[in-house]
Amino acid sequence: MADHLPSPDCPLRIGTRGSPLALAQVHETRARLMSAHGLPEGAFEIVVIKTTGDRVQDRPLSELGGKGLFTKEIEDAMLARSIDIAVHSMKDMPTDQPDGLAITTLLPREDVRDAFVTLGDHSLATLPERATVGTSSLRRRAQLFHRRPDLNVVEFRGNVQTRMRKLSDGVADATFLAMAGLRRLGLLEIARRPIETDAMLPAIAQGAIGIEQRADDDRVRALLEPIHDAETGHRLAAERSFLRGLDGSCQTPIAGLAEIAGGRVRLRGEILRPDGSECLAGEREGSLGDAAALGRDLAAELRGRAAPDFFAT
């Protein structure tokens, strides 16, 4: 392997979106690879690729076509061999990869919680009636309406700085951000009120970074192997299996979280009507080896309990 390590003369090309959070995730990946193999920073080349989700900011994600909005152009570049690996937020990843590509590596998972963000002192419970909350997430929108049907919700996209500016401009009274992103950006002071998962389940795979590669590239697979986090792998096997069993995408309000304790996996999941009028929830527990089966089983239960029009807008 040592003879085939990347070097400044032949760097590993890492594809990524260009947002501050995406770059922070690439820098974390690069730092872990440098530490694992004793490599200099020059052994890596960061290649920024603009995706459809980045280019189109004035329409809801659900109208644009789902999770592949933040991955397609990057995956096309990998299949064209313009890059060697891609670093993704796993909550943006479809449950199936294009032929020839595979997610082989997951970094240790960050804080999975959502943060309720407002410039004032309100919590979600104490927001005034008919206050306005900004979010582009159908999951958060449905969960919000389920708890506070009196609130007004407006479309809210952009990076952390853009969303905070919109709050300052009065576009909305509050919004949600992922704790993981705020931690990785060093902006924890924004997260005044983290929401515990017992109160609001996060998006599937929230807080997890995944690394995608060409499935037949054994050199890259060996390079990445030392930085893979097995616990995160088991947790996402359960969650993404749950999502796949529900045919989930950005167009369906689905939440779920797998946690590990005592060598056992506990998976909690829920599906919601888009208007928040109904929420169906359940959970499963089993061994690490059964993680994916737990997700499939819970998805089948909730699908069986849901009316045919459950996800209709």
Protein backbone atom coordinates (compact mmCIF):
# COMPACT_ATOMS: atom_id res chain seq x y z
CA MET A 1 0.00 0.00 0.00
CA ALA A 2 2.83 2.40 0.85
CA ASP A 3 3.95 2.47 -2.78
CA HIS A 4 0.50 3.59 -3.83
CA LEU A 5 -0.19 6.32 -1.28
CA PRO A 6 -1.13 9.73 -2.69
CA SER A 7 1.62 12.34 -2.84
CA PRO A 8 2.03 15.97 -3.91
CA ASP A 9 3.02 14.65 -7.33
CA CYS A 10 -0.03 12.39 -7.55
CA PRO A 11 -2.63 13.73 -5.10
CA LEU A 12 -5.91 12.12 -4.11
CA ARG A 13 -8.63 14.27 -5.68
CA ILE A 14 -11.54 14.88 -3.28
CA GLY A 15 -14.82 16.09 -4.74
CA THR A 16 -17.13 18.26 -2.68
CA ARG A 17 -19.73 20.99 -2.72
CA GLY A 18 -18.35 24.45 -2.06
CA SER A 19 -20.35 25.50 1.01
CA PRO A 20 -18.46 26.32 4.22
CA LEU A 21 -19.91 23.19 5.86
CA ALA A 22 -19.02 20.93 2.92
CA LEU A 23 -15.44 22.25 2.98
CA ALA A 24 -15.23 21.74 6.76
CA GLN A 25 -16.25 18.11 6.23
CA VAL A 26 -13.58 17.66 3.55
CA HIS A 27 -10.96 19.19 5.83
CA GLU A 28 -11.94 16.74 8.58
CA THR A 29 -11.67 13.84 6.13
CA ARG A 30 -8.29 15.03 4.88
CA ALA A 31 -6.98 15.47 8.44
CA ARG A 32 -8.01 11.93 9.36
CA LEU A 33 -6.32 10.49 6.26
CA MET A 34 -3.17 12.54 6.90
CA SER A 35 -3.03 11.22 10.47
CA ALA A 36 -3.77 7.60 9.52
CA HIS A 37 -1.08 7.43 6.83
CA GLY A 38 1.43 10.12 7.82
CA LEU A 39 0.71 12.14 4.67
CA PRO A 40 1.28 15.85 3.99
CA GLU A 41 -1.58 18.18 3.12
CA GLY A 42 -0.20 18.43 -0.41
CA ALA A 43 -1.07 14.78 -1.02
CA PHE A 44 -4.70 15.85 -1.42
CA GLU A 45 -6.44 18.09 -3.95
CA ILE A 46 -9.88 19.50 -3.12
CA VAL A 47 -12.10 19.80 -6.18
CA VAL A 48 -15.21 21.98 -5.67
CA ILE A 49 -18.21 20.99 -7.78
CA LYS A 50 -21.42 23.01 -7.93
CA THR A 51 -24.55 20.86 -7.77
CA THR A 52 -28.12 21.54 -8.87
CA GLY A 53 -29.13 22.01 -5.24
CA ASP A 54 -26.49 24.72 -4.89
CA ARG A 55 -27.39 26.53 -8.10
CA VAL A 56 -31.16 26.69 -7.58
CA GLN A 57 -31.89 28.54 -4.33
CA ASP A 58 -35.32 30.01 -5.04
CA ARG A 59 -37.38 26.81 -5.07
CA PRO A 60 -38.13 24.15 -2.45
CA LEU A 61 -35.97 21.04 -2.66
CA SER A 62 -39.09 18.89 -2.88
CA GLU A 63 -39.97 20.60 -6.18
CA LEU A 64 -36.54 20.00 -7.68
CA GLY A 65 -36.41 16.22 -7.43
CA GLY A 66 -35.11 14.89 -4.12
CA LYS A 67 -31.83 13.97 -2.49
CA GLY A 68 -29.76 13.54 -5.67
CA LEU A 69 -29.78 17.32 -6.07
CA PHE A 70 -26.63 17.56 -3.95
CA THR A 71 -24.80 14.54 -5.35
CA LYS A 72 -25.40 13.93 -9.07
CA GLU A 73 -22.76 16.25 -10.52
CA ILE A 74 -20.19 15.04 -7.99
CA GLU A 75 -20.94 11.39 -8.77
CA ASP A 76 -20.76 12.11 -12.51
CA ALA A 77 -17.28 13.56 -11.97
CA MET A 78 -16.20 10.42 -10.10
CA LEU A 79 -17.50 8.11 -12.82
CA ALA A 80 -15.62 10.30 -15.34
CA ARG A 81 -12.48 9.86 -13.15
CA SER A 82 -12.12 13.60 -12.61
CA ILE A 83 -12.08 12.93 -8.86
CA ASP A 84 -11.13 9.89 -6.76
CA ILE A 85 -13.49 10.18 -3.79
CA ALA A 86 -16.41 12.36 -2.73
CA VAL A 87 -17.28 13.58 0.76
CA HIS A 88 -21.01 13.86 1.49
CA SER A 89 -23.42 14.72 4.26
CA MET A 90 -25.13 11.35 4.55
CA LYS A 91 -28.54 12.90 5.16
CA ASP A 92 -28.35 14.19 1.55
CA MET A 93 -27.56 10.78 0.07
CA PRO A 94 -30.10 8.64 -1.80
CA THR A 95 -30.35 5.12 -0.39
CA ASP A 96 -28.92 3.63 -3.61
CA GLN A 97 -25.75 4.72 -5.39
CA PRO A 98 -25.21 4.77 -9.18
CA ASP A 99 -23.74 1.62 -10.70
CA GLY A 100 -20.00 1.57 -10.14
CA LEU A 101 -20.01 3.74 -7.00
CA ALA A 102 -20.17 2.80 -3.32
CA ILE A 103 -20.10 4.48 0.07
CA THR A 104 -17.39 2.51 1.83
CA THR A 105 -16.42 4.81 4.70
CA LEU A 106 -18.25 6.70 7.44
CA LEU A 107 -16.59 9.08 9.87
CA PRO A 108 -17.53 9.16 13.58
CA ARG A 109 -20.98 10.71 13.84
CA GLU A 110 -21.48 14.18 15.27
CA ASP A 111 -24.36 15.53 17.37
CA VAL A 112 -27.58 14.30 15.70
CA ARG A 113 -29.93 16.91 17.20
CA ASP A 114 -31.69 19.83 15.54
CA ALA A 115 -31.24 23.29 17.02
CA PHE A 116 -34.13 25.74 17.31
CA VAL A 117 -32.64 29.09 16.33
CA THR A 118 -34.13 32.51 17.02
CA LEU A 119 -32.72 35.96 17.70
CA GLY A 120 -34.95 36.29 20.76
CA ASP A 121 -35.40 34.18 23.86
CA HIS A 122 -38.30 32.04 22.70
CA SER A 123 -38.36 28.26 22.53
CA LEU A 124 -40.53 26.35 20.08
CA ALA A 125 -43.17 26.02 22.80
CA THR A 126 -43.21 29.73 23.67
CA LEU A 127 -43.21 31.21 20.15
CA PRO A 128 -46.21 33.55 19.83
CA GLU A 129 -49.24 32.24 18.01
CA ARG A 130 -48.98 32.63 14.21
CA ALA A 131 -45.24 33.35 14.41
CA THR A 132 -43.25 32.57 11.25
CA VAL A 133 -40.66 29.77 11.10
CA GLY A 134 -38.37 29.30 8.11
CA THR A 135 -37.32 25.85 6.88
CA SER A 136 -36.77 24.04 3.58
CA SER A 137 -37.13 20.61 5.20
CA LEU A 138 -40.43 18.77 4.74
CA ARG A 139 -39.57 16.69 7.82
CA ARG A 140 -39.10 19.73 10.04
CA ARG A 141 -42.16 21.42 8.54
CA ALA A 142 -44.36 18.38 9.29
CA GLN A 143 -42.91 17.93 12.78
CA LEU A 144 -43.46 21.64 13.45
CA PHE A 145 -47.10 21.56 12.31
CA HIS A 146 -47.67 18.40 14.35
CA ARG A 147 -46.63 20.27 17.50
CA ARG A 148 -47.68 23.82 16.63
CA PRO A 149 -50.33 23.87 13.87
CA ASP A 150 -50.90 27.58 14.54
CA LEU A 151 -47.49 28.61 13.20
CA ASN A 152 -46.74 29.98 9.75
CA VAL A 153 -43.93 28.28 7.78
CA VAL A 154 -41.96 29.86 4.92
CA GLU A 155 -39.31 28.44 2.60
CA PHE A 156 -35.82 29.02 4.01
CA ARG A 157 -32.69 27.92 2.14
CA GLY A 158 -29.02 28.87 2.14
CA ASN A 159 -26.01 28.43 4.39
CA VAL A 160 -25.93 29.33 8.08
CA GLN A 161 -24.92 32.92 7.45
CA THR A 162 -27.69 33.40 4.88
CA ARG A 163 -30.32 31.99 7.23
CA MET A 164 -29.18 34.15 10.13
CA ARG A 165 -29.34 37.23 7.88
CA LYS A 166 -32.91 36.30 6.93
CA LEU A 167 -33.79 36.17 10.63
CA SER A 168 -32.23 39.61 11.11
CA ASP A 169 -34.21 40.93 8.13
CA GLY A 170 -37.45 39.68 9.67
CA VAL A 171 -38.21 37.07 7.00
CA ALA A 172 -38.93 34.65 9.85
CA ASP A 173 -38.96 34.66 13.63
CA ALA A 174 -37.10 31.36 13.97
CA THR A 175 -35.54 28.51 12.02
CA PHE A 176 -33.87 25.13 12.54
CA LEU A 177 -30.24 24.19 11.96
CA ALA A 178 -28.41 20.91 12.50
CA MET A 179 -26.23 20.83 15.60
CA ALA A 180 -23.61 18.81 13.70
CA GLY A 181 -23.11 21.56 11.15
CA LEU A 182 -22.87 24.26 13.79
CA ARG A 183 -20.27 22.23 15.69
CA ARG A 184 -18.19 21.61 12.57
CA LEU A 185 -18.31 25.31 11.69
CA GLY A 186 -17.45 26.45 15.21
CA LEU A 187 -20.77 28.30 15.51
CA LEU A 188 -22.24 26.67 18.59
CA GLU A 189 -23.19 30.06 20.04
CA ILE A 190 -26.02 30.12 17.47
CA ALA A 191 -27.52 26.93 18.90
CA ARG A 192 -29.15 28.38 21.98
CA ARG A 193 -31.79 25.65 22.19
CA PRO A 194 -30.81 22.15 21.00
CA ILE A 195 -33.89 19.94 20.67
CA GLU A 196 -33.54 16.54 22.33
CA THR A 197 -34.32 13.56 20.15
CA ASP A 198 -37.16 12.48 22.45
CA ALA A 199 -38.91 15.70 21.43
CA MET A 200 -37.94 15.77 17.74
CA LEU A 201 -36.36 12.90 15.84
CA PRO A 202 -33.70 14.03 13.35
CA ALA A 203 -33.35 13.33 9.66
CA ILE A 204 -32.05 9.92 8.69
CA ALA A 205 -28.23 9.91 8.95
CA GLN A 206 -28.08 13.48 10.29
CA GLY A 207 -24.60 14.33 11.59
CA ALA A 208 -22.82 11.61 9.58
CA ILE A 209 -20.15 12.14 6.91
CA GLY A 210 -19.83 9.51 4.20
CA ILE A 211 -17.07 8.94 1.66
CA GLU A 212 -18.00 7.60 -1.76
CA GLN A 213 -15.59 5.96 -4.19
CA ARG A 214 -15.52 3.91 -7.36
CA ALA A 215 -16.50 0.41 -6.29
CA ASP A 216 -13.63 -1.25 -8.17
CA ASP A 217 -10.88 1.04 -6.82
CA ASP A 218 -9.15 -1.24 -4.32
CA ARG A 219 -6.31 1.25 -3.78
CA VAL A 220 -8.71 3.90 -2.52
CA ARG A 221 -10.66 1.35 -0.50
CA ALA A 222 -7.49 0.37 1.37
CA LEU A 223 -6.58 4.02 1.89
CA LEU A 224 -9.97 4.78 3.45
CA GLU A 225 -10.32 1.65 5.58
CA PRO A 226 -8.42 2.95 8.66
CA ILE A 227 -10.74 5.95 9.08
CA HIS A 228 -14.05 4.07 8.88
CA ASP A 229 -16.13 4.18 12.09
CA ALA A 230 -17.85 0.83 12.62
CA GLU A 231 -20.42 2.12 15.13
CA THR A 232 -21.63 4.79 12.72
CA GLY A 233 -21.80 2.09 10.06
CA HIS A 234 -24.18 -0.04 12.15
CA ARG A 235 -26.34 2.94 13.05
CA LEU A 236 -26.70 4.08 9.44
CA ALA A 237 -27.35 0.54 8.25
CA ALA A 238 -30.49 0.57 10.39
CA GLU A 239 -31.57 4.10 9.52
CA ARG A 240 -30.96 3.92 5.77
CA SER A 241 -32.64 0.52 5.58
CA PHE A 242 -35.66 2.11 7.29
CA LEU A 243 -35.60 4.95 4.76
CA ARG A 244 -35.23 2.57 1.81
CA GLY A 245 -38.17 0.50 3.05
CA LEU A 246 -40.35 3.61 2.97
CA ASP A 247 -39.05 4.71 -0.42
CA GLY A 248 -37.97 7.88 1.34
CA SER A 249 -36.66 11.04 -0.28
CA CYS A 250 -36.73 14.79 0.25
CA GLN A 251 -40.40 14.58 -0.75
CA THR A 252 -41.50 12.51 2.26
CA PRO A 253 -41.46 13.56 5.93
CA ILE A 254 -39.50 10.73 7.57
CA ALA A 255 -37.37 10.86 10.71
CA GLY A 256 -35.31 8.22 12.43
CA LEU A 257 -32.44 7.54 14.77
CA ALA A 258 -30.47 4.42 15.64
CA GLU A 259 -28.41 4.34 18.85
CA ILE A 260 -26.09 1.68 20.24
CA ALA A 261 -25.78 0.64 23.88
CA GLY A 262 -24.51 -2.60 25.35
CA GLY A 263 -23.86 -4.07 21.93
CA ARG A 264 -27.51 -3.59 20.91
CA VAL A 265 -29.11 -1.30 18.34
CA ARG A 266 -32.24 0.66 19.19
CA LEU A 267 -33.98 2.21 16.19
CA ARG A 268 -36.75 4.79 16.50
CA GLY A 269 -38.61 6.01 13.45
CA GLU A 270 -41.60 8.07 12.44
CA ILE A 271 -43.50 9.14 9.36
CA LEU A 272 -45.75 12.19 9.20
CA ARG A 273 -48.42 13.58 6.96
CA PRO A 274 -46.98 16.65 5.23
CA ASP A 275 -49.44 18.92 7.05
CA GLY A 276 -48.45 17.42 10.42
CA SER A 277 -51.98 16.20 11.13
CA GLU A 278 -50.84 12.64 11.82
CA CYS A 279 -47.60 11.02 13.00
CA LEU A 280 -46.98 7.27 13.06
CA ALA A 281 -44.03 6.12 15.17
CA GLY A 282 -42.41 2.88 16.24
CA GLU A 283 -39.16 1.32 17.34
CA ARG A 284 -37.11 -1.85 17.13
CA GLU A 285 -34.17 -3.27 19.07
CA GLY A 286 -31.73 -6.01 18.15
CA SER A 287 -28.12 -7.08 17.68
CA LEU A 288 -25.57 -5.16 15.62
CA GLY A 289 -25.73 -7.79 12.91
CA ASP A 290 -29.48 -7.26 12.58
CA ALA A 291 -29.27 -3.49 12.09
CA ALA A 292 -30.45 -3.44 8.48
CA ALA A 293 -33.20 -5.97 9.21
CA LEU A 294 -34.50 -3.77 12.04
CA GLY A 295 -34.89 -0.89 9.60
CA ARG A 296 -36.73 -3.00 7.04
CA ASP A 297 -39.05 -4.41 9.70
CA LEU A 298 -39.93 -1.02 11.18
CA ALA A 299 -40.53 0.43 7.71
CA ALA A 300 -42.91 -2.43 6.89
CA GLU A 301 -44.84 -1.84 10.12
CA LEU A 302 -45.31 1.88 9.55
CA ARG A 303 -46.12 1.39 5.89
CA GLY A 304 -48.79 -1.11 6.91
CA ARG A 305 -50.29 1.31 9.44
CA ALA A 306 -50.39 4.27 7.03
CA ALA A 307 -53.39 5.02 4.86
CA PRO A 308 -52.76 4.94 1.07
CA ASP A 309 -52.87 8.74 0.89
CA PHE A 310 -50.65 9.27 3.94
CA PHE A 311 -47.91 11.20 2.12
CA ALA A 312 -50.26 13.16 -0.14
CA THR A 313 -49.75 16.92 0.11
